[in-house]
């Protein structure tokens, strides 16, 4: 097998040993470099005259906190993007389902609800609540998306139950 330099790894076709090497080695290397950095850092801090022991204690206390914060950041960074995509897909598929069931008014309402009733007011309200006005405007879009997804999911659950009851009553009347 010829190895080529590429940023893509085909998880479905490559051999497991090659995948393990390609994907695990960079991760292991970064963990080793991080551990080495911490060891060397502690060696230098421990040799500081007069305050070395106190400084080393501070590093020992802060290191687990930094790891917890980093883990939470990785959770949001790596796990948040797929979750957001799934939720946006949920909203789109629910809106398409409303159209397929003949409830296009609900689908139109949800589209207008997200942009007009949620996003535009958030663009004006968030800068009054946050210090950074630019960041506040940028936050309006994901907040509006979240509210729209939750509203869509709730409307879908309620209307789907009604539709299922109607279909059961029609089937029992026809039988």
Protein backbone atom coordinates (compact mmCIF):
# COMPACT_ATOMS: atom_id res chain seq x y z
CA UNK A 1 0.00 0.00 0.00
CA UNK A 2 1.39 3.36 -0.99
CA UNK A 3 1.11 6.11 1.61
CA UNK A 4 0.40 9.57 0.36
CA UNK A 5 0.38 12.88 2.14
CA UNK A 6 -3.23 13.93 2.49
CA UNK A 7 -5.46 15.62 5.01
CA UNK A 8 -8.21 13.08 4.41
CA UNK A 9 -8.40 9.64 5.98
CA UNK A 10 -10.96 7.24 4.55
CA UNK A 11 -12.24 5.44 7.64
CA UNK A 12 -14.24 2.93 5.63
CA UNK A 13 -11.52 1.62 3.33
CA UNK A 14 -8.18 2.00 5.12
CA UNK A 15 -6.80 -0.92 7.18
CA UNK A 16 -7.31 -0.62 10.92
CA UNK A 17 -3.58 -0.72 11.73
CA UNK A 18 -2.92 2.16 9.36
CA UNK A 19 -5.86 4.13 10.78
CA UNK A 20 -4.66 3.50 14.31
CA UNK A 21 -1.21 4.77 13.40
CA UNK A 22 -2.44 7.80 11.47
CA UNK A 23 -5.03 8.88 14.02
CA UNK A 24 -3.50 7.82 17.34
CA UNK A 25 0.13 8.87 16.93
CA UNK A 26 -0.55 12.63 16.67
CA UNK A 27 -2.87 12.47 19.68
CA UNK A 28 -0.36 10.50 21.77
CA UNK A 29 2.45 12.83 20.70
CA UNK A 30 0.51 15.90 21.76
CA UNK A 31 -0.26 14.34 25.15
CA UNK A 32 3.42 13.47 25.67
CA UNK A 33 4.55 16.98 24.74
CA UNK A 34 1.95 18.42 27.13
CA UNK A 35 3.13 16.16 29.96
CA UNK A 36 6.79 17.00 29.24
CA UNK A 37 5.96 20.70 29.25
CA UNK A 38 4.29 20.35 32.66
CA UNK A 39 7.23 18.41 34.11
CA UNK A 40 9.81 20.94 32.89
CA UNK A 41 7.62 23.81 34.05
CA UNK A 42 7.41 22.32 37.53
CA UNK A 43 11.18 21.78 37.64
CA UNK A 44 11.87 25.44 36.91
CA UNK A 45 9.14 26.69 39.24
CA UNK A 46 10.37 24.45 42.07
CA UNK A 47 13.86 26.00 41.88
CA UNK A 48 12.69 29.60 42.32
CA UNK A 49 14.35 30.87 45.51
CA UNK A 50 12.09 31.60 48.49
CA UNK A 51 8.73 31.08 46.73
CA UNK A 52 9.42 27.89 44.78
CA UNK A 53 7.42 25.62 47.07
CA UNK A 54 4.42 27.97 47.16
CA UNK A 55 4.53 28.50 43.41
CA UNK A 56 4.72 24.75 42.84
CA UNK A 57 1.69 24.30 45.07
CA UNK A 58 -0.17 26.91 43.02
CA UNK A 59 0.68 25.11 39.79
CA UNK A 60 -0.43 21.82 41.33
CA UNK A 61 -3.78 23.32 42.30
CA UNK A 62 -4.36 25.13 39.00
CA UNK A 63 -3.38 22.27 36.69
CA UNK A 64 -6.51 20.14 37.35
CA UNK A 65 -8.68 23.23 36.93
CA UNK A 66 -7.04 24.00 33.60
CA UNK A 67 -7.61 20.39 32.50
CA UNK A 68 -11.30 20.61 33.46
CA UNK A 69 -11.71 23.89 31.57
CA UNK A 70 -9.90 22.42 28.55
CA UNK A 71 -12.07 19.31 28.60
CA UNK A 72 -15.21 21.44 28.71
CA UNK A 73 -13.91 23.57 25.81
CA UNK A 74 -13.20 20.40 23.78
CA UNK A 75 -16.70 19.15 24.59
CA UNK A 76 -18.26 22.31 23.22
CA UNK A 77 -15.87 22.64 20.31
CA UNK A 78 -15.87 19.07 19.07
CA UNK A 79 -19.21 17.84 20.36
CA UNK A 80 -21.19 21.03 19.93
CA UNK A 81 -20.83 21.37 16.17
CA UNK A 82 -22.35 17.96 15.34
CA UNK A 83 -25.13 18.53 17.88
CA UNK A 84 -25.94 21.90 16.33
CA UNK A 85 -25.99 20.34 12.86
CA UNK A 86 -28.29 17.57 14.05
CA UNK A 87 -30.66 20.10 15.63
CA UNK A 88 -30.70 22.25 12.49
CA UNK A 89 -31.43 19.12 10.45
CA UNK A 90 -34.24 18.31 12.88
CA UNK A 91 -35.77 21.72 12.32
CA UNK A 92 -35.58 21.45 8.53
CA UNK A 93 -36.96 17.91 8.43
CA UNK A 94 -39.82 18.81 10.80
CA UNK A 95 -40.71 21.79 8.63
CA UNK A 96 -40.67 19.56 5.54
CA UNK A 97 -42.85 17.03 7.35
CA UNK A 98 -45.40 19.76 8.09
CA UNK A 99 -45.50 20.57 4.38
CA UNK A 100 -45.87 16.89 3.48
CA UNK A 101 -48.78 16.50 5.91
CA UNK A 102 -50.53 19.50 4.40
CA UNK A 103 -49.67 21.92 7.20
CA UNK A 104 -47.60 24.34 5.18
CA UNK A 105 -48.92 27.22 7.29
CA UNK A 106 -47.04 25.85 10.30
CA UNK A 107 -43.87 25.54 8.26
CA UNK A 108 -44.21 29.12 7.02
CA UNK A 109 -44.93 30.30 10.57
CA UNK A 110 -41.76 28.61 11.83
CA UNK A 111 -39.62 30.25 9.15
CA UNK A 112 -41.10 33.68 9.90
CA UNK A 113 -40.93 33.01 13.65
CA UNK A 114 -37.19 32.36 13.53
CA UNK A 115 -36.24 35.38 11.46
CA UNK A 116 -38.82 38.04 12.31
CA UNK A 117 -40.08 37.22 15.79
CA UNK A 118 -36.86 35.91 17.33
CA UNK A 119 -33.75 36.94 15.39
CA UNK A 120 -34.52 40.61 14.71
CA UNK A 121 -35.55 41.40 18.32
CA UNK A 122 -32.46 39.54 19.60
CA UNK A 123 -30.24 41.67 17.36
CA UNK A 124 -31.60 44.76 19.11
CA UNK A 125 -31.89 43.34 22.66
CA UNK A 126 -28.57 41.54 23.11
CA UNK A 127 -26.33 44.61 22.60
CA UNK A 128 -28.17 46.27 25.49
CA UNK A 129 -27.41 43.25 27.71
CA UNK A 130 -23.79 42.55 26.71
CA UNK A 131 -20.79 44.88 26.76
CA UNK A 132 -19.41 43.81 23.38
CA UNK A 133 -22.04 44.90 20.85
CA UNK A 134 -20.48 43.04 17.93
CA UNK A 135 -20.35 39.78 19.90
CA UNK A 136 -23.95 40.34 20.98
CA UNK A 137 -25.10 40.60 17.37
CA UNK A 138 -23.15 37.47 16.44
CA UNK A 139 -24.74 35.58 19.35
CA UNK A 140 -28.24 36.46 18.15
CA UNK A 141 -28.12 33.92 15.29
CA UNK A 142 -27.29 30.77 17.32
CA UNK A 143 -29.72 31.78 20.07
CA UNK A 144 -32.47 32.29 17.48
CA UNK A 145 -31.59 28.92 15.94
CA UNK A 146 -31.85 27.19 19.31
CA UNK A 147 -35.21 28.78 20.11
CA UNK A 148 -36.50 27.94 16.62
CA UNK A 149 -35.36 24.33 16.87
CA UNK A 150 -37.02 23.85 20.26
CA UNK A 151 -40.23 25.50 19.03
CA UNK A 152 -40.22 23.33 15.91
CA UNK A 153 -39.67 20.16 17.93
CA UNK A 154 -42.51 21.01 20.31
CA UNK A 155 -44.92 21.89 17.50
CA UNK A 156 -43.93 18.74 15.65
CA UNK A 157 -44.55 16.54 18.70
CA UNK A 158 -47.95 18.10 19.37
CA UNK A 159 -49.11 18.05 15.74
CA UNK A 160 -47.74 14.58 15.06
CA UNK A 161 -49.76 13.17 17.95
CA UNK A 162 -52.90 14.88 16.60
CA UNK A 163 -52.23 13.55 13.12
CA UNK A 164 -51.67 10.01 14.40
CA UNK A 165 -54.98 10.16 16.34
CA UNK A 166 -56.79 11.38 13.22
CA UNK A 167 -55.29 8.59 11.12
CA UNK A 168 -56.25 5.95 13.71
CA UNK A 169 -59.82 7.25 13.90
CA UNK A 170 -60.08 7.29 10.10
CA UNK A 171 -58.76 3.73 9.92
CA UNK A 172 -61.17 2.53 12.61
CA UNK A 173 -64.10 4.28 10.89
CA UNK A 174 -63.15 2.76 7.53
CA UNK A 175 -62.94 -0.72 9.03
